[in-house]
Amino acid sequence: MLTLLQAQQAASQSIMLQNGKIFLVMTVVCILLIGLFLYVNSIDKKIKQLEK
């Protein structure tokens, strides 16, 4: 059972690598993380201004 699951994971990973979709997924994740960081940073600046 465990080897079958590992074989399926290996097959799905190779399909994503062959199609280049793993790079698309990583790009979207990076864009979302950068956007989230910028949003939190802007909220932090606004809070600091309110505290003064």
N, C-alpha and C. Protein backbone atom coordinates (compact mmCIF):
# COMPACT_ATOMS: atom_id res chain seq x y z
N MET A 1 0.83 -1.19 0.00
CA MET A 1 0.00 0.00 0.00
C MET A 1 0.87 1.26 0.00
N LEU A 2 1.91 1.23 0.82
CA LEU A 2 2.78 2.40 0.92
C LEU A 2 3.55 2.62 -0.39
N THR A 3 3.99 1.56 -1.02
CA THR A 3 4.73 1.72 -2.27
C THR A 3 3.81 2.22 -3.38
N LEU A 4 2.56 1.82 -3.37
CA LEU A 4 1.61 2.30 -4.36
C LEU A 4 1.39 3.80 -4.20
N LEU A 5 1.27 4.25 -2.96
CA LEU A 5 1.08 5.67 -2.69
C LEU A 5 2.31 6.46 -3.11
N GLN A 6 3.49 5.92 -2.84
CA GLN A 6 4.72 6.60 -3.25
C GLN A 6 4.83 6.66 -4.77
N ALA A 7 4.42 5.61 -5.44
CA ALA A 7 4.47 5.59 -6.90
C ALA A 7 3.51 6.62 -7.49
N GLN A 8 2.33 6.75 -6.88
CA GLN A 8 1.37 7.75 -7.37
C GLN A 8 1.91 9.17 -7.15
N GLN A 9 2.55 9.40 -6.00
CA GLN A 9 3.12 10.72 -5.73
C GLN A 9 4.23 11.03 -6.72
N ALA A 10 5.08 10.05 -7.00
CA ALA A 10 6.17 10.26 -7.94
C ALA A 10 5.62 10.55 -9.33
N ALA A 11 4.57 9.86 -9.72
CA ALA A 11 3.98 10.08 -11.04
C ALA A 11 3.36 11.47 -11.13
N SER A 12 2.67 11.89 -10.08
CA SER A 12 2.04 13.21 -10.13
C SER A 12 3.09 14.31 -10.08
N GLN A 13 4.17 14.09 -9.35
CA GLN A 13 5.24 15.10 -9.33
C GLN A 13 5.91 15.21 -10.69
N SER A 14 6.14 14.11 -11.33
CA SER A 14 6.81 14.17 -12.62
C SER A 14 5.90 14.79 -13.67
N ILE A 15 4.60 14.58 -13.56
CA ILE A 15 3.67 15.21 -14.51
C ILE A 15 3.70 16.72 -14.33
N MET A 16 3.69 17.19 -13.08
CA MET A 16 3.73 18.64 -12.86
C MET A 16 5.05 19.22 -13.33
N LEU A 17 6.14 18.50 -13.14
CA LEU A 17 7.44 19.00 -13.59
C LEU A 17 7.53 18.99 -15.11
N GLN A 18 6.97 17.96 -15.74
CA GLN A 18 7.04 17.88 -17.20
C GLN A 18 6.23 18.98 -17.85
N ASN A 19 5.08 19.29 -17.29
CA ASN A 19 4.23 20.31 -17.89
C ASN A 19 4.66 21.71 -17.51
N GLY A 20 5.55 21.84 -16.55
CA GLY A 20 5.99 23.15 -16.12
C GLY A 20 5.00 23.86 -15.22
N LYS A 21 3.99 23.15 -14.76
CA LYS A 21 2.97 23.77 -13.93
C LYS A 21 3.47 24.02 -12.51
N ILE A 22 4.50 23.31 -12.09
CA ILE A 22 5.03 23.54 -10.75
C ILE A 22 5.60 24.95 -10.66
N PHE A 23 6.15 25.45 -11.75
CA PHE A 23 6.69 26.81 -11.75
C PHE A 23 5.57 27.83 -11.69
N LEU A 24 4.45 27.54 -12.34
CA LEU A 24 3.29 28.42 -12.28
C LEU A 24 2.74 28.48 -10.86
N VAL A 25 2.66 27.33 -10.22
CA VAL A 25 2.15 27.27 -8.85
C VAL A 25 3.08 28.03 -7.91
N MET A 26 4.38 27.83 -8.06
CA MET A 26 5.34 28.52 -7.20
C MET A 26 5.30 30.03 -7.44
N THR A 27 5.10 30.45 -8.67
CA THR A 27 5.00 31.88 -8.98
C THR A 27 3.78 32.50 -8.32
N VAL A 28 2.65 31.81 -8.39
CA VAL A 28 1.43 32.32 -7.77
C VAL A 28 1.59 32.39 -6.26
N VAL A 29 2.18 31.38 -5.67
CA VAL A 29 2.40 31.37 -4.22
C VAL A 29 3.31 32.52 -3.82
N CYS A 30 4.37 32.75 -4.57
CA CYS A 30 5.30 33.85 -4.25
C CYS A 30 4.61 35.20 -4.38
N ILE A 31 3.80 35.38 -5.40
CA ILE A 31 3.07 36.64 -5.58
C ILE A 31 2.11 36.87 -4.42
N LEU A 32 1.42 35.82 -4.00
CA LEU A 32 0.50 35.95 -2.87
C LEU A 32 1.24 36.29 -1.58
N LEU A 33 2.38 35.67 -1.35
CA LEU A 33 3.14 35.96 -0.14
C LEU A 33 3.69 37.38 -0.14
N ILE A 34 4.16 37.84 -1.28
CA ILE A 34 4.66 39.21 -1.38
C ILE A 34 3.52 40.20 -1.15
N GLY A 35 2.37 39.93 -1.75
CA GLY A 35 1.21 40.80 -1.55
C GLY A 35 0.78 40.83 -0.10
N LEU A 36 0.77 39.69 0.55
CA LEU A 36 0.40 39.62 1.96
C LEU A 36 1.39 40.39 2.82
N PHE A 37 2.67 40.27 2.52
CA PHE A 37 3.69 41.01 3.27
C PHE A 37 3.51 42.51 3.10
N LEU A 38 3.26 42.96 1.88
CA LEU A 38 3.07 44.39 1.65
C LEU A 38 1.82 44.90 2.36
N TYR A 39 0.76 44.10 2.37
CA TYR A 39 -0.47 44.49 3.05
C TYR A 39 -0.24 44.63 4.56
N VAL A 40 0.42 43.66 5.15
CA VAL A 40 0.69 43.70 6.59
C VAL A 40 1.60 44.88 6.91
N ASN A 41 2.56 45.14 6.05
CA ASN A 41 3.47 46.26 6.26
C ASN A 41 2.71 47.59 6.22
N SER A 42 1.78 47.74 5.29
CA SER A 42 1.02 48.99 5.22
C SER A 42 0.09 49.14 6.42
N ILE A 43 -0.51 48.06 6.88
CA ILE A 43 -1.36 48.11 8.07
C ILE A 43 -0.52 48.50 9.29
N ASP A 44 0.70 47.98 9.38
CA ASP A 44 1.59 48.31 10.49
C ASP A 44 1.93 49.79 10.51
N LYS A 45 2.20 50.36 9.33
CA LYS A 45 2.50 51.79 9.25
C LYS A 45 1.30 52.62 9.71
N LYS A 46 0.09 52.23 9.31
CA LYS A 46 -1.11 52.96 9.70
C LYS A 46 -1.33 52.88 11.21
N ILE A 47 -1.08 51.73 11.79
CA ILE A 47 -1.25 51.56 13.23
C ILE A 47 -0.24 52.41 13.99
N LYS A 48 1.00 52.47 13.49
CA LYS A 48 2.02 53.29 14.14
C LYS A 48 1.63 54.77 14.11
N GLN A 49 1.04 55.21 13.00
CA GLN A 49 0.60 56.60 12.89
C GLN A 49 -0.53 56.88 13.89
N LEU A 50 -1.44 55.94 14.06
CA LEU A 50 -2.54 56.13 15.00
C LEU A 50 -2.06 56.15 16.45
N GLU A 51 -1.01 55.39 16.72
CA GLU A 51 -0.48 55.35 18.09
C GLU A 51 0.17 56.69 18.46
N LYS A 52 0.71 57.39 17.49
CA LYS A 52 1.35 58.69 17.77
C LYS A 52 0.26 59.69 18.02
